Amino acid sequence: MSALREALRDLPDAVFADVLESDDAYLLVLDLPGVTSDTIDVRVENGRLVIEGQRSKDVPREFRFVEEDRSVFLDAELPMPPDATGQGAEGTVRKGVLELRLPKATAAPSTTIPIDED
């Protein structure tokens, strides 16, 4: 699991992440402000967790950007813990916080993880 912890350090500064572990699963918690279940795709491919997210920025008509520093896209590939699998994985996003529950087992080659709005 140290490879996953290392990879989390390489995420953009605006993304905060926690990894929790129980006897039967890992829980990955990512702060992704503005992301919804419609604007995020999470899947497992070849032992890697692929997260692609986009947040919308609603700008009032009377305003324009003077400076734009907040990232709109997240495109991350994280190594799965060696004893985790995408099979049976669950995900939710609520108020910009993505929670992924990754069961422990033999890794599957490719799985899409559905994300529900909580």
PDB file of N, CA and C in Angstrom:
ATOM      1  N   MET A   1       0.811  -1.187   0.000  1.00  0.00           N
ATOM      2  CA  MET A   1       0.000   0.000   0.000  1.00  0.00           C
ATOM      3  C   MET A   1       0.858   1.256   0.000  1.00  0.00           C
ATOM      4  N   SER A   2       2.127   1.152   0.237  1.00  0.00           N
ATOM      5  CA  SER A   2       2.976   2.342   0.245  1.00  0.00           C
ATOM      6  C   SER A   2       3.007   3.016  -1.119  1.00  0.00           C
ATOM      7  N   ALA A   3       2.868   2.254  -2.210  1.00  0.00           N
ATOM      8  CA  ALA A   3       2.829   2.856  -3.547  1.00  0.00           C
ATOM      9  C   ALA A   3       1.611   3.760  -3.687  1.00  0.00           C
ATOM     10  N   LEU A   4       0.483   3.364  -3.117  1.00  0.00           N
ATOM     11  CA  LEU A   4      -0.717   4.198  -3.151  1.00  0.00           C
ATOM     12  C   LEU A   4      -0.499   5.471  -2.352  1.00  0.00           C
ATOM     13  N   ARG A   5       0.061   5.361  -1.170  1.00  0.00           N
ATOM     14  CA  ARG A   5       0.331   6.558  -0.359  1.00  0.00           C
ATOM     15  C   ARG A   5       1.268   7.506  -1.093  1.00  0.00           C
ATOM     16  N   GLU A   6       2.290   6.972  -1.728  1.00  0.00           N
ATOM     17  CA  GLU A   6       3.222   7.801  -2.496  1.00  0.00           C
ATOM     18  C   GLU A   6       2.505   8.503  -3.646  1.00  0.00           C
ATOM     19  N   ALA A   7       1.641   7.777  -4.348  1.00  0.00           N
ATOM     20  CA  ALA A   7       0.923   8.355  -5.481  1.00  0.00           C
ATOM     21  C   ALA A   7      -0.013   9.471  -5.033  1.00  0.00           C
ATOM     22  N   LEU A   8      -0.601   9.338  -3.863  1.00  0.00           N
ATOM     23  CA  LEU A   8      -1.495  10.381  -3.360  1.00  0.00           C
ATOM     24  C   LEU A   8      -0.750  11.683  -3.137  1.00  0.00           C
ATOM     25  N   ARG A   9       0.524  11.595  -2.828  1.00  0.00           N
ATOM     26  CA  ARG A   9       1.332  12.811  -2.634  1.00  0.00           C
ATOM     27  C   ARG A   9       1.522  13.572  -3.940  1.00  0.00           C
ATOM     28  N   ASP A  10       1.364  12.885  -5.070  1.00  0.00           N
ATOM     29  CA  ASP A  10       1.542  13.518  -6.374  1.00  0.00           C
ATOM     30  C   ASP A  10       0.265  14.141  -6.928  1.00  0.00           C
ATOM     31  N   LEU A  11      -0.831  14.018  -6.192  1.00  0.00           N
ATOM     32  CA  LEU A  11      -2.075  14.648  -6.638  1.00  0.00           C
ATOM     33  C   LEU A  11      -1.922  16.167  -6.571  1.00  0.00           C
ATOM     34  N   PRO A  12      -2.723  16.901  -7.330  1.00  0.00           N
ATOM     35  CA  PRO A  12      -2.653  18.371  -7.262  1.00  0.00           C
ATOM     36  C   PRO A  12      -2.851  18.868  -5.836  1.00  0.00           C
ATOM     37  N   ASP A  13      -2.263  20.020  -5.528  1.00  0.00           N
ATOM     38  CA  ASP A  13      -2.334  20.574  -4.176  1.00  0.00           C
ATOM     39  C   ASP A  13      -3.766  20.790  -3.700  1.00  0.00           C
ATOM     40  N   ALA A  14      -4.693  21.027  -4.619  1.00  0.00           N
ATOM     41  CA  ALA A  14      -6.085  21.296  -4.252  1.00  0.00           C
ATOM     42  C   ALA A  14      -6.846  20.026  -3.877  1.00  0.00           C
ATOM     43  N   VAL A  15      -6.253  18.850  -4.085  1.00  0.00           N
ATOM     44  CA  VAL A  15      -6.924  17.589  -3.793  1.00  0.00           C
ATOM     45  C   VAL A  15      -6.338  17.002  -2.505  1.00  0.00           C
ATOM     46  N   PHE A  16      -7.197  16.840  -1.517  1.00  0.00           N
ATOM     47  CA  PHE A  16      -6.781  16.234  -0.263  1.00  0.00           C
ATOM     48  C   PHE A  16      -7.302  14.811  -0.236  1.00  0.00           C
ATOM     49  N   ALA A  17      -6.508  13.884   0.284  1.00  0.00           N
ATOM     50  CA  ALA A  17      -6.889  12.471   0.240  1.00  0.00           C
ATOM     51  C   ALA A  17      -6.513  11.771   1.541  1.00  0.00           C
ATOM     52  N   ASP A  18      -7.360  10.811   1.930  1.00  0.00           N
ATOM     53  CA  ASP A  18      -7.104   9.942   3.069  1.00  0.00           C
ATOM     54  C   ASP A  18      -7.291   8.505   2.616  1.00  0.00           C
ATOM     55  N   VAL A  19      -6.509   7.601   3.181  1.00  0.00           N
ATOM     56  CA  VAL A  19      -6.678   6.167   2.946  1.00  0.00           C
ATOM     57  C   VAL A  19      -6.909   5.513   4.298  1.00  0.00           C
ATOM     58  N   LEU A  20      -7.997   4.744   4.384  1.00  0.00           N
ATOM     59  CA  LEU A  20      -8.321   4.010   5.593  1.00  0.00           C
ATOM     60  C   LEU A  20      -8.351   2.531   5.242  1.00  0.00           C
ATOM     61  N   GLU A  21      -8.129   1.676   6.227  1.00  0.00           N
ATOM     62  CA  GLU A  21      -8.090   0.240   5.982  1.00  0.00           C
ATOM     63  C   GLU A  21      -8.834  -0.495   7.088  1.00  0.00           C
ATOM     64  N   SER A  22      -9.634  -1.494   6.676  1.00  0.00           N
ATOM     65  CA  SER A  22     -10.269  -2.412   7.619  1.00  0.00           C
ATOM     66  C   SER A  22      -9.774  -3.809   7.275  1.00  0.00           C
ATOM     67  N   ASP A  23     -10.305  -4.807   7.938  1.00  0.00           N
ATOM     68  CA  ASP A  23      -9.894  -6.179   7.659  1.00  0.00           C
ATOM     69  C   ASP A  23     -10.277  -6.627   6.256  1.00  0.00           C
ATOM     70  N   ASP A  24     -11.368  -6.054   5.703  1.00  0.00           N
ATOM     71  CA  ASP A  24     -11.854  -6.545   4.421  1.00  0.00           C
ATOM     72  C   ASP A  24     -11.879  -5.513   3.293  1.00  0.00           C
ATOM     73  N   ALA A  25     -11.447  -4.265   3.552  1.00  0.00           N
ATOM     74  CA  ALA A  25     -11.513  -3.261   2.484  1.00  0.00           C
ATOM     75  C   ALA A  25     -10.609  -2.071   2.779  1.00  0.00           C
ATOM     76  N   TYR A  26     -10.393  -1.279   1.730  1.00  0.00           N
ATOM     77  CA  TYR A  26      -9.747   0.023   1.838  1.00  0.00           C
ATOM     78  C   TYR A  26     -10.803   1.074   1.568  1.00  0.00           C
ATOM     79  N   LEU A  27     -10.673   2.236   2.185  1.00  0.00           N
ATOM     80  CA  LEU A  27     -11.556   3.356   1.921  1.00  0.00           C
ATOM     81  C   LEU A  27     -10.680   4.532   1.523  1.00  0.00           C
ATOM     82  N   LEU A  28     -10.865   4.994   0.301  1.00  0.00           N
ATOM     83  CA  LEU A  28     -10.130   6.139  -0.221  1.00  0.00           C
ATOM     84  C   LEU A  28     -11.084   7.321  -0.232  1.00  0.00           C
ATOM     85  N   VAL A  29     -10.705   8.412   0.436  1.00  0.00           N
ATOM     86  CA  VAL A  29     -11.531   9.609   0.543  1.00  0.00           C
ATOM     87  C   VAL A  29     -10.777  10.758  -0.109  1.00  0.00           C
ATOM     88  N   LEU A  30     -11.390  11.358  -1.138  1.00  0.00           N
ATOM     89  CA  LEU A  30     -10.766  12.453  -1.882  1.00  0.00           C
ATOM     90  C   LEU A  30     -11.671  13.676  -1.843  1.00  0.00           C
ATOM     91  N   ASP A  31     -11.120  14.832  -1.494  1.00  0.00           N
ATOM     92  CA  ASP A  31     -11.863  16.082  -1.566  1.00  0.00           C
ATOM     93  C   ASP A  31     -11.753  16.621  -2.983  1.00  0.00           C
ATOM     94  N   LEU A  32     -12.879  16.668  -3.686  1.00  0.00           N
ATOM     95  CA  LEU A  32     -12.921  17.143  -5.067  1.00  0.00           C
ATOM     96  C   LEU A  32     -14.055  18.157  -5.199  1.00  0.00           C
ATOM     97  N   PRO A  33     -13.855  19.378  -4.694  1.00  0.00           N
ATOM     98  CA  PRO A  33     -14.932  20.367  -4.704  1.00  0.00           C
ATOM     99  C   PRO A  33     -15.507  20.571  -6.109  1.00  0.00           C
ATOM    100  N   GLY A  34     -16.834  20.600  -6.174  1.00  0.00           N
ATOM    101  CA  GLY A  34     -17.515  20.859  -7.436  1.00  0.00           C
ATOM    102  C   GLY A  34     -17.750  19.639  -8.304  1.00  0.00           C
ATOM    103  N   VAL A  35     -17.202  18.489  -7.927  1.00  0.00           N
ATOM    104  CA  VAL A  35     -17.376  17.270  -8.715  1.00  0.00           C
ATOM    105  C   VAL A  35     -18.676  16.587  -8.291  1.00  0.00           C
ATOM    106  N   THR A  36     -19.406  16.062  -9.265  1.00  0.00           N
ATOM    107  CA  THR A  36     -20.643  15.329  -8.989  1.00  0.00           C
ATOM    108  C   THR A  36     -20.533  13.940  -9.596  1.00  0.00           C
ATOM    109  N   SER A  37     -21.529  13.107  -9.330  1.00  0.00           N
ATOM    110  CA  SER A  37     -21.513  11.763  -9.898  1.00  0.00           C
ATOM    111  C   SER A  37     -21.593  11.798 -11.423  1.00  0.00           C
ATOM    112  N   ASP A  38     -22.137  12.879 -11.979  1.00  0.00           N
ATOM    113  CA  ASP A  38     -22.212  13.019 -13.434  1.00  0.00           C
ATOM    114  C   ASP A  38     -20.905  13.474 -14.063  1.00  0.00           C
ATOM    115  N   THR A  39     -20.010  14.053 -13.267  1.00  0.00           N
ATOM    116  CA  THR A  39     -18.778  14.614 -13.830  1.00  0.00           C
ATOM    117  C   THR A  39     -17.529  13.852 -13.405  1.00  0.00           C
ATOM    118  N   ILE A  40     -17.708  12.641 -12.888  1.00  0.00           N
ATOM    119  CA  ILE A  40     -16.546  11.845 -12.482  1.00  0.00           C
ATOM    120  C   ILE A  40     -16.668  10.429 -13.020  1.00  0.00           C
ATOM    121  N   ASP A  41     -15.539   9.878 -13.405  1.00  0.00           N
ATOM    122  CA  ASP A  41     -15.465   8.498 -13.874  1.00  0.00           C
ATOM    123  C   ASP A  41     -14.343   7.821 -13.096  1.00  0.00           C
ATOM    124  N   VAL A  42     -14.660   6.690 -12.483  1.00  0.00           N
ATOM    125  CA  VAL A  42     -13.669   5.942 -11.709  1.00  0.00           C
ATOM    126  C   VAL A  42     -13.699   4.504 -12.189  1.00  0.00           C
ATOM    127  N   ARG A  43     -12.518   3.964 -12.465  1.00  0.00           N
ATOM    128  CA  ARG A  43     -12.432   2.577 -12.918  1.00  0.00           C
ATOM    129  C   ARG A  43     -11.099   1.978 -12.496  1.00  0.00           C
ATOM    130  N   VAL A  44     -11.053   0.655 -12.540  1.00  0.00           N
ATOM    131  CA  VAL A  44      -9.813  -0.069 -12.270  1.00  0.00           C
ATOM    132  C   VAL A  44      -9.366  -0.698 -13.569  1.00  0.00           C
ATOM    133  N   GLU A  45      -8.116  -0.414 -13.951  1.00  0.00           N
ATOM    134  CA  GLU A  45      -7.533  -0.976 -15.173  1.00  0.00           C
ATOM    135  C   GLU A  45      -6.127  -1.468 -14.871  1.00  0.00           C
ATOM    136  N   ASN A  46      -5.905  -2.740 -15.108  1.00  0.00           N
ATOM    137  CA  ASN A  46      -4.571  -3.318 -14.957  1.00  0.00           C
ATOM    138  C   ASN A  46      -3.930  -2.993 -13.611  1.00  0.00           C
ATOM    139  N   GLY A  47      -4.704  -3.159 -12.547  1.00  0.00           N
ATOM    140  CA  GLY A  47      -4.162  -2.950 -11.208  1.00  0.00           C
ATOM    141  C   GLY A  47      -3.986  -1.494 -10.819  1.00  0.00           C
ATOM    142  N   ARG A  48      -4.578  -0.569 -11.580  1.00  0.00           N
ATOM    143  CA  ARG A  48      -4.479   0.863 -11.274  1.00  0.00           C
ATOM    144  C   ARG A  48      -5.872   1.453 -11.149  1.00  0.00           C
ATOM    145  N   LEU A  49      -6.027   2.385 -10.237  1.00  0.00           N
ATOM    146  CA  LEU A  49      -7.274   3.102 -10.036  1.00  0.00           C
ATOM    147  C   LEU A  49      -7.207   4.380 -10.873  1.00  0.00           C
ATOM    148  N   VAL A  50      -8.096   4.497 -11.836  1.00  0.00           N
ATOM    149  CA  VAL A  50      -8.113   5.651 -12.739  1.00  0.00           C
ATOM    150  C   VAL A  50      -9.286   6.542 -12.327  1.00  0.00           C
ATOM    151  N   ILE A  51      -8.982   7.803 -12.022  1.00  0.00           N
ATOM    152  CA  ILE A  51      -9.997   8.769 -11.602  1.00  0.00           C
ATOM    153  C   ILE A  51      -9.938   9.960 -12.553  1.00  0.00           C
ATOM    154  N   GLU A  52     -11.048  10.209 -13.232  1.00  0.00           N
ATOM    155  CA  GLU A  52     -11.150  11.360 -14.122  1.00  0.00           C
ATOM    156  C   GLU A  52     -12.350  12.174 -13.676  1.00  0.00           C
ATOM    157  N   GLY A  53     -12.107  13.387 -13.243  1.00  0.00           N
ATOM    158  CA  GLY A  53     -13.186  14.226 -12.746  1.00  0.00           C
ATOM    159  C   GLY A  53     -13.110  15.618 -13.315  1.00  0.00           C
ATOM    160  N   GLN A  54     -14.258  16.256 -13.351  1.00  0.00           N
ATOM    161  CA  GLN A  54     -14.339  17.622 -13.847  1.00  0.00           C
ATOM    162  C   GLN A  54     -15.327  18.368 -12.968  1.00  0.00           C
ATOM    163  N   ARG A  55     -14.986  19.567 -12.619  1.00  0.00           N
ATOM    164  CA  ARG A  55     -15.948  20.352 -11.863  1.00  0.00           C
ATOM    165  C   ARG A  55     -16.414  21.519 -12.717  1.00  0.00           C
ATOM    166  N   SER A  56     -17.655  21.865 -12.511  1.00  0.00           N
ATOM    167  CA  SER A  56     -18.181  23.002 -13.258  1.00  0.00           C
ATOM    168  C   SER A  56     -17.954  24.265 -12.437  1.00  0.00           C
ATOM    169  N   LYS A  57     -17.737  25.331 -13.149  1.00  0.00           N
ATOM    170  CA  LYS A  57     -17.574  26.631 -12.509  1.00  0.00           C
ATOM    171  C   LYS A  57     -18.686  27.524 -13.022  1.00  0.00           C
ATOM    172  N   ASP A  58     -19.630  27.811 -12.157  1.00  0.00           N
ATOM    173  CA  ASP A  58     -20.707  28.722 -12.522  1.00  0.00           C
ATOM    174  C   ASP A  58     -20.266  30.135 -12.194  1.00  0.00           C
ATOM    175  N   VAL A  59     -20.118  30.932 -13.240  1.00  0.00           N
ATOM    176  CA  VAL A  59     -19.686  32.317 -13.081  1.00  0.00           C
ATOM    177  C   VAL A  59     -20.870  33.218 -13.403  1.00  0.00           C
ATOM    178  N   PRO A  60     -21.243  34.094 -12.472  1.00  0.00           N
ATOM    179  CA  PRO A  60     -22.335  35.023 -12.763  1.00  0.00           C
ATOM    180  C   PRO A  60     -22.029  35.846 -14.020  1.00  0.00           C
ATOM    181  N   ARG A  61     -23.070  36.146 -14.800  1.00  0.00           N
ATOM    182  CA  ARG A  61     -22.890  36.827 -16.082  1.00  0.00           C
ATOM    183  C   ARG A  61     -22.148  38.148 -15.979  1.00  0.00           C
ATOM    184  N   GLU A  62     -22.328  38.865 -14.875  1.00  0.00           N
ATOM    185  CA  GLU A  62     -21.704  40.178 -14.760  1.00  0.00           C
ATOM    186  C   GLU A  62     -20.223  40.109 -14.374  1.00  0.00           C
ATOM    187  N   PHE A  63     -19.706  38.889 -14.159  1.00  0.00           N
ATOM    188  CA  PHE A  63     -18.309  38.723 -13.776  1.00  0.00           C
ATOM    189  C   PHE A  63     -17.531  37.995 -14.868  1.00  0.00           C
ATOM    190  N   ARG A  64     -16.228  38.210 -14.868  1.00  0.00           N
ATOM    191  CA  ARG A  64     -15.312  37.490 -15.746  1.00  0.00           C
ATOM    192  C   ARG A  64     -14.080  37.143 -14.910  1.00  0.00           C
ATOM    193  N   PHE A  65     -13.335  36.151 -15.357  1.00  0.00           N
ATOM    194  CA  PHE A  65     -12.133  35.760 -14.634  1.00  0.00           C
ATOM    195  C   PHE A  65     -11.033  36.786 -14.823  1.00  0.00           C
ATOM    196  N   VAL A  66     -10.467  37.242 -13.727  1.00  0.00           N
ATOM    197  CA  VAL A  66      -9.265  38.065 -13.743  1.00  0.00           C
ATOM    198  C   VAL A  66      -8.065  37.138 -13.627  1.00  0.00           C
ATOM    199  N   GLU A  67      -8.217  36.150 -12.767  1.00  0.00           N
ATOM    200  CA  GLU A  67      -7.213  35.114 -12.588  1.00  0.00           C
ATOM    201  C   GLU A  67      -7.943  33.818 -12.280  1.00  0.00           C
ATOM    202  N   GLU A  68      -7.477  32.731 -12.860  1.00  0.00           N
ATOM    203  CA  GLU A  68      -8.132  31.438 -12.683  1.00  0.00           C
ATOM    204  C   GLU A  68      -7.085  30.413 -12.260  1.00  0.00           C
ATOM    205  N   ASP A  69      -7.066  30.102 -10.949  1.00  0.00           N
ATOM    206  CA  ASP A  69      -6.053  29.198 -10.413  1.00  0.00           C
ATOM    207  C   ASP A  69      -6.619  27.839 -10.004  1.00  0.00           C
ATOM    208  N   ARG A  70      -7.927  27.722  -9.902  1.00  0.00           N
ATOM    209  CA  ARG A  70      -8.510  26.454  -9.457  1.00  0.00           C
ATOM    210  C   ARG A  70      -8.617  25.497 -10.637  1.00  0.00           C
ATOM    211  N   SER A  71      -8.046  24.341 -10.481  1.00  0.00           N
ATOM    212  CA  SER A  71      -8.066  23.342 -11.540  1.00  0.00           C
ATOM    213  C   SER A  71      -9.491  22.862 -11.789  1.00  0.00           C
ATOM    214  N   VAL A  72      -9.806  22.628 -13.056  1.00  0.00           N
ATOM    215  CA  VAL A  72     -11.133  22.167 -13.433  1.00  0.00           C
ATOM    216  C   VAL A  72     -11.152  20.655 -13.610  1.00  0.00           C
ATOM    217  N   PHE A  73     -10.027  20.062 -13.977  1.00  0.00           N
ATOM    218  CA  PHE A  73      -9.961  18.639 -14.288  1.00  0.00           C
ATOM    219  C   PHE A  73      -9.044  17.905 -13.316  1.00  0.00           C
ATOM    220  N   LEU A  74      -9.403  16.659 -13.020  1.00  0.00           N
ATOM    221  CA  LEU A  74      -8.509  15.751 -12.308  1.00  0.00           C
ATOM    222  C   LEU A  74      -8.386  14.510 -13.166  1.00  0.00           C
ATOM    223  N   ASP A  75      -7.175  14.165 -13.497  1.00  0.00           N
ATOM    224  CA  ASP A  75      -6.891  12.959 -14.271  1.00  0.00           C
ATOM    225  C   ASP A  75      -5.763  12.246 -13.535  1.00  0.00           C
ATOM    226  N   ALA A  76      -6.126  11.246 -12.726  1.00  0.00           N
ATOM    227  CA  ALA A  76      -5.131  10.590 -11.881  1.00  0.00           C
ATOM    228  C   ALA A  76      -5.183   9.085 -12.064  1.00  0.00           C
ATOM    229  N   GLU A  77      -4.011   8.468 -12.030  1.00  0.00           N
ATOM    230  CA  GLU A  77      -3.884   7.007 -12.009  1.00  0.00           C
ATOM    231  C   GLU A  77      -3.118   6.647 -10.757  1.00  0.00           C
ATOM    232  N   LEU A  78      -3.754   5.850  -9.904  1.00  0.00           N
ATOM    233  CA  LEU A  78      -3.155   5.461  -8.640  1.00  0.00           C
ATOM    234  C   LEU A  78      -2.991   3.950  -8.599  1.00  0.00           C
ATOM    235  N   PRO A  79      -1.881   3.456  -8.073  1.00  0.00           N
ATOM    236  CA  PRO A  79      -1.724   2.003  -7.966  1.00  0.00           C
ATOM    237  C   PRO A  79      -2.692   1.448  -6.919  1.00  0.00           C
ATOM    238  N   MET A  80      -3.322   0.343  -7.256  1.00  0.00           N
ATOM    239  CA  MET A  80      -4.192  -0.330  -6.293  1.00  0.00           C
ATOM    240  C   MET A  80      -3.317  -1.038  -5.273  1.00  0.00           C
ATOM    241  N   PRO A  81      -3.754  -1.090  -4.021  1.00  0.00           N
ATOM    242  CA  PRO A  81      -3.034  -1.942  -3.078  1.00  0.00           C
ATOM    243  C   PRO A  81      -3.032  -3.371  -3.632  1.00  0.00           C
ATOM    244  N   PRO A  82      -1.945  -4.120  -3.452  1.00  0.00           N
ATOM    245  CA  PRO A  82      -1.833  -5.437  -4.076  1.00  0.00           C
ATOM    246  C   PRO A  82      -2.924  -6.423  -3.668  1.00  0.00           C
ATOM    247  N   ASP A  83      -3.530  -6.227  -2.508  1.00  0.00           N
ATOM    248  CA  ASP A  83      -4.579  -7.146  -2.065  1.00  0.00           C
ATOM    249  C   ASP A  83      -5.981  -6.580  -2.278  1.00  0.00           C
ATOM    250  N   ALA A  84      -6.119  -5.511  -3.096  1.00  0.00           N
ATOM    251  CA  ALA A  84      -7.432  -4.909  -3.357  1.00  0.00           C
ATOM    252  C   ALA A  84      -7.895  -5.249  -4.765  1.00  0.00           C
ATOM    253  N   THR A  85      -9.200  -5.124  -4.963  1.00  0.00           N
ATOM    254  CA  THR A  85      -9.786  -5.393  -6.273  1.00  0.00           C
ATOM    255  C   THR A  85     -10.876  -4.377  -6.557  1.00  0.00           C
ATOM    256  N   GLY A  86     -11.175  -4.206  -7.814  1.00  0.00           N
ATOM    257  CA  GLY A  86     -12.290  -3.346  -8.190  1.00  0.00           C
ATOM    258  C   GLY A  86     -13.611  -4.079  -8.132  1.00  0.00           C
ATOM    259  N   GLN A  87     -13.578  -5.411  -8.096  1.00  0.00           N
ATOM    260  CA  GLN A  87     -14.815  -6.194  -8.036  1.00  0.00           C
ATOM    261  C   GLN A  87     -15.549  -5.897  -6.737  1.00  0.00           C
ATOM    262  N   GLY A  88     -16.792  -5.455  -6.856  1.00  0.00           N
ATOM    263  CA  GLY A  88     -17.581  -5.139  -5.681  1.00  0.00           C
ATOM    264  C   GLY A  88     -17.273  -3.779  -5.086  1.00  0.00           C
ATOM    265  N   ALA A  89     -16.446  -2.989  -5.753  1.00  0.00           N
ATOM    266  CA  ALA A  89     -16.122  -1.656  -5.248  1.00  0.00           C
ATOM    267  C   ALA A  89     -17.358  -0.769  -5.300  1.00  0.00           C
ATOM    268  N   GLU A  90     -17.413   0.167  -4.374  1.00  0.00           N
ATOM    269  CA  GLU A  90     -18.524   1.098  -4.301  1.00  0.00           C
ATOM    270  C   GLU A  90     -17.977   2.505  -4.156  1.00  0.00           C
ATOM    271  N   GLY A  91     -18.711   3.463  -4.700  1.00  0.00           N
ATOM    272  CA  GLY A  91     -18.292   4.846  -4.580  1.00  0.00           C
ATOM    273  C   GLY A  91     -19.474   5.766  -4.394  1.00  0.00           C
ATOM    274  N   THR A  92     -19.256   6.833  -3.626  1.00  0.00           N
ATOM    275  CA  THR A  92     -20.249   7.885  -3.473  1.00  0.00           C
ATOM    276  C   THR A  92     -19.536   9.228  -3.538  1.00  0.00           C
ATOM    277  N   VAL A  93     -20.276  10.228  -3.962  1.00  0.00           N
ATOM    278  CA  VAL A  93     -19.763  11.590  -3.906  1.00  0.00           C
ATOM    279  C   VAL A  93     -20.851  12.438  -3.256  1.00  0.00           C
ATOM    280  N   ARG A  94     -20.438  13.190  -2.256  1.00  0.00           N
ATOM    281  CA  ARG A  94     -21.383  14.040  -1.527  1.00  0.00           C
ATOM    282  C   ARG A  94     -20.675  15.335  -1.175  1.00  0.00           C
ATOM    283  N   LYS A  95     -21.236  16.419  -1.651  1.00  0.00           N
ATOM    284  CA  LYS A  95     -20.681  17.752  -1.397  1.00  0.00           C
ATOM    285  C   LYS A  95     -19.204  17.815  -1.759  1.00  0.00           C
ATOM    286  N   GLY A  96     -18.848  17.207  -2.885  1.00  0.00           N
ATOM    287  CA  GLY A  96     -17.478  17.279  -3.369  1.00  0.00           C
ATOM    288  C   GLY A  96     -16.501  16.332  -2.699  1.00  0.00           C
ATOM    289  N   VAL A  97     -16.996  15.393  -1.899  1.00  0.00           N
ATOM    290  CA  VAL A  97     -16.124  14.413  -1.257  1.00  0.00           C
ATOM    291  C   VAL A  97     -16.422  13.042  -1.870  1.00  0.00           C
ATOM    292  N   LEU A  98     -15.412  12.478  -2.527  1.00  0.00           N
ATOM    293  CA  LEU A  98     -15.523  11.168  -3.157  1.00  0.00           C
ATOM    294  C   LEU A  98     -15.021  10.115  -2.184  1.00  0.00           C
ATOM    295  N   GLU A  99     -15.848   9.091  -1.941  1.00  0.00           N
ATOM    296  CA  GLU A  99     -15.443   7.965  -1.098  1.00  0.00           C
ATOM    297  C   GLU A  99     -15.504   6.702  -1.944  1.00  0.00           C
ATOM    298  N   LEU A 100     -14.383   5.997  -2.011  1.00  0.00           N
ATOM    299  CA  LEU A 100     -14.298   4.743  -2.745  1.00  0.00           C
ATOM    300  C   LEU A 100     -13.976   3.620  -1.777  1.00  0.00           C
ATOM    301  N   ARG A 101     -14.836   2.603  -1.753  1.00  0.00           N
ATOM    302  CA  ARG A 101     -14.598   1.420  -0.925  1.00  0.00           C
ATOM    303  C   ARG A 101     -14.104   0.320  -1.844  1.00  0.00           C
ATOM    304  N   LEU A 102     -12.872  -0.122  -1.616  1.00  0.00           N
ATOM    305  CA  LEU A 102     -12.217  -1.129  -2.448  1.00  0.00           C
ATOM    306  C   LEU A 102     -12.045  -2.414  -1.638  1.00  0.00           C
ATOM    307  N   PRO A 103     -12.825  -3.447  -1.956  1.00  0.00           N
ATOM    308  CA  PRO A 103     -12.694  -4.705  -1.216  1.00  0.00           C
ATOM    309  C   PRO A 103     -11.315  -5.332  -1.406  1.00  0.00           C
ATOM    310  N   LYS A 104     -10.896  -6.071  -0.409  1.00  0.00           N
ATOM    311  CA  LYS A 104      -9.642  -6.811  -0.508  1.00  0.00           C
ATOM    312  C   LYS A 104      -9.912  -8.154  -1.174  1.00  0.00           C
ATOM    313  N   ALA A 105      -9.085  -8.520  -2.135  1.00  0.00           N
ATOM    314  CA  ALA A 105      -9.178  -9.800  -2.853  1.00  0.00           C
ATOM    315  C   ALA A 105      -8.136  -9.773  -3.961  1.00  0.00           C
ATOM    316  N   THR A 106      -8.248 -10.699  -4.928  1.00  0.00           N
ATOM    317  CA  THR A 106      -7.342 -10.716  -6.059  1.00  0.00           C
ATOM    318  C   THR A 106      -7.752  -9.632  -7.045  1.00  0.00           C
ATOM    319  N   ALA A 107      -6.792  -8.866  -7.545  1.00  0.00           N
ATOM    320  CA  ALA A 107      -7.089  -7.754  -8.454  1.00  0.00           C
ATOM    321  C   ALA A 107      -7.725  -8.239  -9.740  1.00  0.00           C
ATOM    322  N   ALA A 108      -8.700  -7.487 -10.209  1.00  0.00           N
ATOM    323  CA  ALA A 108      -9.379  -7.785 -11.474  1.00  0.00           C
ATOM    324  C   ALA A 108      -8.738  -6.948 -12.578  1.00  0.00           C
ATOM    325  N   PRO A 109      -8.757  -7.416 -13.820  1.00  0.00           N
ATOM    326  CA  PRO A 109      -8.101  -6.686 -14.888  1.00  0.00           C
ATOM    327  C   PRO A 109      -8.739  -5.333 -15.205  1.00  0.00           C
ATOM    328  N   SER A 110     -10.085  -5.219 -15.194  1.00  0.00           N
ATOM    329  CA  SER A 110     -10.733  -3.968 -15.545  1.00  0.00           C
ATOM    330  C   SER A 110     -12.134  -3.947 -14.973  1.00  0.00           C
ATOM    331  N   THR A 111     -12.454  -2.864 -14.280  1.00  0.00           N
ATOM    332  CA  THR A 111     -13.768  -2.705 -13.688  1.00  0.00           C
ATOM    333  C   THR A 111     -14.114  -1.231 -13.609  1.00  0.00           C
ATOM    334  N   THR A 112     -15.349  -0.862 -13.978  1.00  0.00           N
ATOM    335  CA  THR A 112     -15.824   0.495 -13.784  1.00  0.00           C
ATOM    336  C   THR A 112     -16.559   0.543 -12.457  1.00  0.00           C
ATOM    337  N   ILE A 113     -16.271   1.578 -11.667  1.00  0.00           N
ATOM    338  CA  ILE A 113     -16.867   1.733 -10.357  1.00  0.00           C
ATOM    339  C   ILE A 113     -17.983   2.768 -10.452  1.00  0.00           C
ATOM    340  N   PRO A 114     -19.233   2.372 -10.216  1.00  0.00           N
ATOM    341  CA  PRO A 114     -20.320   3.342 -10.284  1.00  0.00           C
ATOM    342  C   PRO A 114     -20.228   4.318  -9.103  1.00  0.00           C
ATOM    343  N   ILE A 115     -20.508   5.599  -9.369  1.00  0.00           N
ATOM    344  CA  ILE A 115     -20.480   6.636  -8.342  1.00  0.00           C
ATOM    345  C   ILE A 115     -21.892   7.151  -8.159  1.00  0.00           C
ATOM    346  N   ASP A 116     -22.397   7.052  -6.932  1.00  0.00           N
ATOM    347  CA  ASP A 116     -23.740   7.522  -6.596  1.00  0.00           C
ATOM    348  C   ASP A 116     -23.653   8.867  -5.919  1.00  0.00           C
ATOM    349  N   GLU A 117     -24.661   9.701  -6.147  1.00  0.00           N
ATOM    350  CA  GLU A 117     -24.798  10.972  -5.434  1.00  0.00           C
ATOM    351  C   GLU A 117     -25.483  10.648  -4.125  1.00  0.00           C
ATOM    352  N   ASP A 118     -24.903  11.073  -3.017  1.00  0.00           N
ATOM    353  CA  ASP A 118     -25.459  10.754  -1.703  1.00  0.00           C
ATOM    354  C   ASP A 118     -26.337  11.883  -1.232  1.00  0.00           C
TER     355      ASP A 118
END
